[in-house]
Amino acid sequence: MPATGRAELEDGLTAELMTAVTGARRRALRDGDRQIDTAHLLHSLVEADPETAAALDEDDRLARVLGYLVQRSIGYGLRWQRAVEETGSALPVVRGGENGAAGWSPAAATALAGAFERAARRGGRRVRGLDLLAALAADPDSRAAEVLRRAGVDPLALAARIEEPSQQV
């Protein structure tokens, strides 16, 4: 992962995205999970970043995504609790030790690394919420992608739409 410490993350993320990462960490602790997973990131991201919420705010998709994420918080994700989220996609996996970067599931660490790569491709100095949303959606086997699908959002189509030049602000 390009940035592993809090200071490195703060330097590389927008304020909204740093708020989302901090929220994901709190959510994971509250849920009794050992690691931040992609669903924790998605939940905090849509709540903290208006640009991300706007990308999902079409045909009530944002409300449906938040509905599934809230259900996850109150029991929907119990089958995920205490289990490491691996990535099943063809994306390169970023690992720091056996279970991913400290405090991050391998899939979440990979998504954050992908967000840094996307920001660099668009010439951004900081990683934005849309960078992370695109990376979360690009791994079809992640928990975030599962939540998106259950809410009626095609994760790969969402990632492609975010990659369009009109979203490269």
C-alpha atoms as a PDB file:
ATOM      1  CA  MET A   1       0.000   0.000   0.000  1.00  0.00           C
ATOM      2  CA  PRO A   2       1.519   3.356  -0.925  1.00  0.00           C
ATOM      3  CA  ALA A   3       0.660   4.957   2.411  1.00  0.00           C
ATOM      4  CA  THR A   4       0.532   2.865   5.549  1.00  0.00           C
ATOM      5  CA  GLY A   5       0.914   5.271   8.452  1.00  0.00           C
ATOM      6  CA  ARG A   6      -1.677   7.817   9.513  1.00  0.00           C
ATOM      7  CA  ALA A   7       0.568  10.755   8.585  1.00  0.00           C
ATOM      8  CA  GLU A   8       1.213   9.290   5.126  1.00  0.00           C
ATOM      9  CA  LEU A   9      -2.503   8.699   4.615  1.00  0.00           C
ATOM     10  CA  GLU A  10      -3.375  12.242   5.708  1.00  0.00           C
ATOM     11  CA  ASP A  11      -0.878  13.635   3.202  1.00  0.00           C
ATOM     12  CA  GLY A  12      -2.211  11.501   0.364  1.00  0.00           C
ATOM     13  CA  LEU A  13      -5.983  11.647   0.890  1.00  0.00           C
ATOM     14  CA  THR A  14      -8.508  14.450   0.613  1.00  0.00           C
ATOM     15  CA  ALA A  15     -10.072  15.514   3.914  1.00  0.00           C
ATOM     16  CA  GLU A  16     -13.315  13.751   2.968  1.00  0.00           C
ATOM     17  CA  LEU A  17     -11.519  10.517   2.185  1.00  0.00           C
ATOM     18  CA  MET A  18      -9.487  10.676   5.391  1.00  0.00           C
ATOM     19  CA  THR A  19     -12.778  11.117   7.276  1.00  0.00           C
ATOM     20  CA  ALA A  20     -14.100   8.025   5.474  1.00  0.00           C
ATOM     21  CA  VAL A  21     -11.010   5.951   6.349  1.00  0.00           C
ATOM     22  CA  THR A  22     -11.249   7.015   9.989  1.00  0.00           C
ATOM     23  CA  GLY A  23     -14.969   6.160   9.955  1.00  0.00           C
ATOM     24  CA  ALA A  24     -14.243   2.753   8.429  1.00  0.00           C
ATOM     25  CA  ARG A  25     -11.724   2.046  11.189  1.00  0.00           C
ATOM     26  CA  ARG A  26     -14.303   2.972  13.868  1.00  0.00           C
ATOM     27  CA  ARG A  27     -16.954   0.898  12.112  1.00  0.00           C
ATOM     28  CA  ALA A  28     -14.692  -2.162  12.010  1.00  0.00           C
ATOM     29  CA  LEU A  29     -13.867  -1.825  15.715  1.00  0.00           C
ATOM     30  CA  ARG A  30     -17.517  -1.332  16.638  1.00  0.00           C
ATOM     31  CA  ASP A  31     -18.521  -4.368  14.570  1.00  0.00           C
ATOM     32  CA  GLY A  32     -15.888  -6.500  16.295  1.00  0.00           C
ATOM     33  CA  ASP A  33     -13.939  -7.023  13.068  1.00  0.00           C
ATOM     34  CA  ARG A  34     -10.171  -7.417  13.125  1.00  0.00           C
ATOM     35  CA  GLN A  35      -9.694  -5.499   9.904  1.00  0.00           C
ATOM     36  CA  ILE A  36     -11.190  -2.721   7.833  1.00  0.00           C
ATOM     37  CA  ASP A  37     -12.860  -4.401   4.879  1.00  0.00           C
ATOM     38  CA  THR A  38     -14.216  -2.987   1.630  1.00  0.00           C
ATOM     39  CA  ALA A  39     -17.791  -2.782   2.946  1.00  0.00           C
ATOM     40  CA  HIS A  40     -16.574  -0.685   5.910  1.00  0.00           C
ATOM     41  CA  LEU A  41     -14.828   1.599   3.422  1.00  0.00           C
ATOM     42  CA  LEU A  42     -17.860   1.828   1.139  1.00  0.00           C
ATOM     43  CA  HIS A  43     -20.195   2.635   4.044  1.00  0.00           C
ATOM     44  CA  SER A  44     -18.011   5.407   5.429  1.00  0.00           C
ATOM     45  CA  LEU A  45     -17.184   6.702   1.958  1.00  0.00           C
ATOM     46  CA  VAL A  46     -20.784   7.260   0.881  1.00  0.00           C
ATOM     47  CA  GLU A  47     -21.502   9.002   4.189  1.00  0.00           C
ATOM     48  CA  ALA A  48     -18.398  11.240   4.238  1.00  0.00           C
ATOM     49  CA  ASP A  49     -17.784  12.133   0.594  1.00  0.00           C
ATOM     50  CA  PRO A  50     -20.435  14.116  -1.327  1.00  0.00           C
ATOM     51  CA  GLU A  51     -18.778  13.332  -4.679  1.00  0.00           C
ATOM     52  CA  THR A  52     -19.083   9.596  -4.016  1.00  0.00           C
ATOM     53  CA  ALA A  53     -22.675   9.928  -2.841  1.00  0.00           C
ATOM     54  CA  ALA A  54     -23.469  11.866  -6.036  1.00  0.00           C
ATOM     55  CA  ALA A  55     -21.993   9.053  -8.176  1.00  0.00           C
ATOM     56  CA  LEU A  56     -24.513   6.670  -6.614  1.00  0.00           C
ATOM     57  CA  ASP A  57     -27.436   9.086  -6.366  1.00  0.00           C
ATOM     58  CA  GLU A  58     -29.347   7.886  -9.397  1.00  0.00           C
ATOM     59  CA  ASP A  59     -32.693   6.055  -9.309  1.00  0.00           C
ATOM     60  CA  ASP A  60     -32.511   5.756  -5.493  1.00  0.00           C
ATOM     61  CA  ARG A  61     -29.337   3.685  -5.745  1.00  0.00           C
ATOM     62  CA  LEU A  62     -27.692   5.640  -2.928  1.00  0.00           C
ATOM     63  CA  ALA A  63     -30.611   4.912  -0.609  1.00  0.00           C
ATOM     64  CA  ARG A  64     -30.521   1.215  -1.528  1.00  0.00           C
ATOM     65  CA  VAL A  65     -26.738   1.006  -1.015  1.00  0.00           C
ATOM     66  CA  LEU A  66     -27.017   2.706   2.380  1.00  0.00           C
ATOM     67  CA  GLY A  67     -29.917   0.405   3.272  1.00  0.00           C
ATOM     68  CA  TYR A  68     -27.814  -2.697   2.632  1.00  0.00           C
ATOM     69  CA  LEU A  69     -24.857  -1.221   4.493  1.00  0.00           C
ATOM     70  CA  VAL A  70     -27.016  -0.440   7.519  1.00  0.00           C
ATOM     71  CA  GLN A  71     -28.408  -3.984   7.396  1.00  0.00           C
ATOM     72  CA  ARG A  72     -24.829  -5.195   7.377  1.00  0.00           C
ATOM     73  CA  SER A  73     -24.127  -3.157  10.515  1.00  0.00           C
ATOM     74  CA  ILE A  74     -27.061  -4.732  12.331  1.00  0.00           C
ATOM     75  CA  GLY A  75     -26.594  -8.328  11.301  1.00  0.00           C
ATOM     76  CA  TYR A  76     -26.517  -8.770   7.527  1.00  0.00           C
ATOM     77  CA  GLY A  77     -22.727  -9.039   7.649  1.00  0.00           C
ATOM     78  CA  LEU A  78     -22.493 -11.439  10.568  1.00  0.00           C
ATOM     79  CA  ARG A  79     -21.215 -14.132   8.229  1.00  0.00           C
ATOM     80  CA  TRP A  80     -18.353 -11.761   7.412  1.00  0.00           C
ATOM     81  CA  GLN A  81     -17.468 -11.037  11.022  1.00  0.00           C
ATOM     82  CA  ARG A  82     -14.063 -12.224  12.151  1.00  0.00           C
ATOM     83  CA  ALA A  83     -13.324 -13.573   8.656  1.00  0.00           C
ATOM     84  CA  VAL A  84     -10.537 -12.081   6.553  1.00  0.00           C
ATOM     85  CA  GLU A  85     -11.766 -10.568   3.316  1.00  0.00           C
ATOM     86  CA  GLU A  86      -9.597 -11.899   0.543  1.00  0.00           C
ATOM     87  CA  THR A  87      -9.776 -10.618  -2.990  1.00  0.00           C
ATOM     88  CA  GLY A  88     -10.920 -12.980  -5.673  1.00  0.00           C
ATOM     89  CA  SER A  89     -10.359 -10.601  -8.546  1.00  0.00           C
ATOM     90  CA  ALA A  90      -7.591 -10.358 -11.063  1.00  0.00           C
ATOM     91  CA  LEU A  91      -6.408  -7.136  -9.421  1.00  0.00           C
ATOM     92  CA  PRO A  92      -2.915  -7.322  -7.946  1.00  0.00           C
ATOM     93  CA  VAL A  93      -3.087  -8.022  -4.234  1.00  0.00           C
ATOM     94  CA  VAL A  94      -1.158  -5.773  -1.895  1.00  0.00           C
ATOM     95  CA  ARG A  95      -0.109  -7.653   1.187  1.00  0.00           C
ATOM     96  CA  GLY A  96       1.699  -6.525   4.292  1.00  0.00           C
ATOM     97  CA  GLY A  97       2.288  -9.682   6.235  1.00  0.00           C
ATOM     98  CA  GLU A  98       0.020 -12.687   6.133  1.00  0.00           C
ATOM     99  CA  ASN A  99      -3.343 -10.896   6.423  1.00  0.00           C
ATOM    100  CA  GLY A 100      -2.786  -7.717   4.410  1.00  0.00           C
ATOM    101  CA  ALA A 101      -1.556  -4.345   5.603  1.00  0.00           C
ATOM    102  CA  ALA A 102      -1.907  -3.982   9.359  1.00  0.00           C
ATOM    103  CA  GLY A 103      -5.555  -3.414  10.162  1.00  0.00           C
ATOM    104  CA  TRP A 104      -6.741  -3.790   6.564  1.00  0.00           C
ATOM    105  CA  SER A 105      -8.200  -6.790   4.768  1.00  0.00           C
ATOM    106  CA  PRO A 106      -6.182  -7.747   1.678  1.00  0.00           C
ATOM    107  CA  ALA A 107      -9.053  -6.574  -0.547  1.00  0.00           C
ATOM    108  CA  ALA A 108      -9.298  -3.207   1.262  1.00  0.00           C
ATOM    109  CA  ALA A 109      -5.524  -2.688   1.056  1.00  0.00           C
ATOM    110  CA  THR A 110      -5.648  -3.524  -2.649  1.00  0.00           C
ATOM    111  CA  ALA A 111      -8.517  -1.072  -3.182  1.00  0.00           C
ATOM    112  CA  LEU A 112      -6.638   1.718  -1.414  1.00  0.00           C
ATOM    113  CA  ALA A 113      -3.527   0.983  -3.496  1.00  0.00           C
ATOM    114  CA  GLY A 114      -5.714   1.078  -6.618  1.00  0.00           C
ATOM    115  CA  ALA A 115      -7.117   4.438  -5.522  1.00  0.00           C
ATOM    116  CA  PHE A 116      -3.578   5.827  -5.221  1.00  0.00           C
ATOM    117  CA  GLU A 117      -2.785   4.485  -8.704  1.00  0.00           C
ATOM    118  CA  ARG A 118      -5.945   6.059 -10.157  1.00  0.00           C
ATOM    119  CA  ALA A 119      -5.109   9.408  -8.563  1.00  0.00           C
ATOM    120  CA  ALA A 120      -1.616   9.253 -10.074  1.00  0.00           C
ATOM    121  CA  ARG A 121      -3.034   8.406 -13.534  1.00  0.00           C
ATOM    122  CA  ARG A 122      -5.320  11.440 -13.446  1.00  0.00           C
ATOM    123  CA  GLY A 123      -2.440  13.609 -12.219  1.00  0.00           C
ATOM    124  CA  GLY A 124      -3.986  14.163  -8.806  1.00  0.00           C
ATOM    125  CA  ARG A 125      -1.909  15.130  -5.819  1.00  0.00           C
ATOM    126  CA  ARG A 126      -4.405  13.537  -3.422  1.00  0.00           C
ATOM    127  CA  VAL A 127      -6.649  10.500  -3.604  1.00  0.00           C
ATOM    128  CA  ARG A 128     -10.349  11.424  -3.842  1.00  0.00           C
ATOM    129  CA  GLY A 129     -13.430   9.478  -2.876  1.00  0.00           C
ATOM    130  CA  LEU A 130     -14.170   8.631  -6.508  1.00  0.00           C
ATOM    131  CA  ASP A 131     -10.708   7.105  -6.814  1.00  0.00           C
ATOM    132  CA  LEU A 132     -11.499   4.743  -3.953  1.00  0.00           C
ATOM    133  CA  LEU A 133     -15.056   4.068  -5.153  1.00  0.00           C
ATOM    134  CA  ALA A 134     -13.715   3.057  -8.589  1.00  0.00           C
ATOM    135  CA  ALA A 135     -11.157   0.750  -6.965  1.00  0.00           C
ATOM    136  CA  LEU A 136     -13.770  -0.799  -4.640  1.00  0.00           C
ATOM    137  CA  ALA A 137     -16.125  -1.412  -7.550  1.00  0.00           C
ATOM    138  CA  ALA A 138     -13.363  -2.855  -9.746  1.00  0.00           C
ATOM    139  CA  ASP A 139     -12.979  -5.951  -7.540  1.00  0.00           C
ATOM    140  CA  PRO A 140     -16.125  -7.954  -8.308  1.00  0.00           C
ATOM    141  CA  ASP A 141     -15.412 -10.394  -5.482  1.00  0.00           C
ATOM    142  CA  SER A 142     -15.114  -7.808  -2.719  1.00  0.00           C
ATOM    143  CA  ARG A 143     -17.706  -7.272  -0.017  1.00  0.00           C
ATOM    144  CA  ALA A 144     -18.263  -3.732  -1.307  1.00  0.00           C
ATOM    145  CA  ALA A 145     -19.085  -5.091  -4.771  1.00  0.00           C
ATOM    146  CA  GLU A 146     -21.483  -7.606  -3.207  1.00  0.00           C
ATOM    147  CA  VAL A 147     -23.293  -4.782  -1.404  1.00  0.00           C
ATOM    148  CA  LEU A 148     -23.437  -2.751  -4.619  1.00  0.00           C
ATOM    149  CA  ARG A 149     -24.873  -5.693  -6.572  1.00  0.00           C
ATOM    150  CA  ARG A 150     -27.500  -6.390  -3.895  1.00  0.00           C
ATOM    151  CA  ALA A 151     -28.510  -2.726  -4.124  1.00  0.00           C
ATOM    152  CA  GLY A 152     -28.939  -3.010  -7.890  1.00  0.00           C
ATOM    153  CA  VAL A 153     -25.649  -1.366  -8.881  1.00  0.00           C
ATOM    154  CA  ASP A 154     -23.392  -3.105 -11.395  1.00  0.00           C
ATOM    155  CA  PRO A 155     -19.947  -2.595  -9.802  1.00  0.00           C
ATOM    156  CA  LEU A 156     -17.973  -2.976 -13.032  1.00  0.00           C
ATOM    157  CA  ALA A 157     -20.260  -0.559 -14.904  1.00  0.00           C
ATOM    158  CA  LEU A 158     -19.902   1.899 -12.007  1.00  0.00           C
ATOM    159  CA  ALA A 159     -16.102   1.613 -12.127  1.00  0.00           C
ATOM    160  CA  ALA A 160     -16.145   2.166 -15.908  1.00  0.00           C
ATOM    161  CA  ARG A 161     -18.448   5.185 -15.554  1.00  0.00           C
ATOM    162  CA  ILE A 162     -16.134   6.719 -12.947  1.00  0.00           C
ATOM    163  CA  GLU A 163     -13.173   6.198 -15.298  1.00  0.00           C
ATOM    164  CA  GLU A 164     -14.895   8.284 -18.021  1.00  0.00           C
ATOM    165  CA  PRO A 165     -13.070  11.532 -18.831  1.00  0.00           C
ATOM    166  CA  SER A 166     -15.991  13.601 -17.482  1.00  0.00           C
ATOM    167  CA  GLN A 167     -15.258  12.135 -14.021  1.00  0.00           C
ATOM    168  CA  GLN A 168     -11.514  12.838 -14.188  1.00  0.00           C
ATOM    169  CA  VAL A 169     -11.785  16.211 -12.437  1.00  0.00           C
END
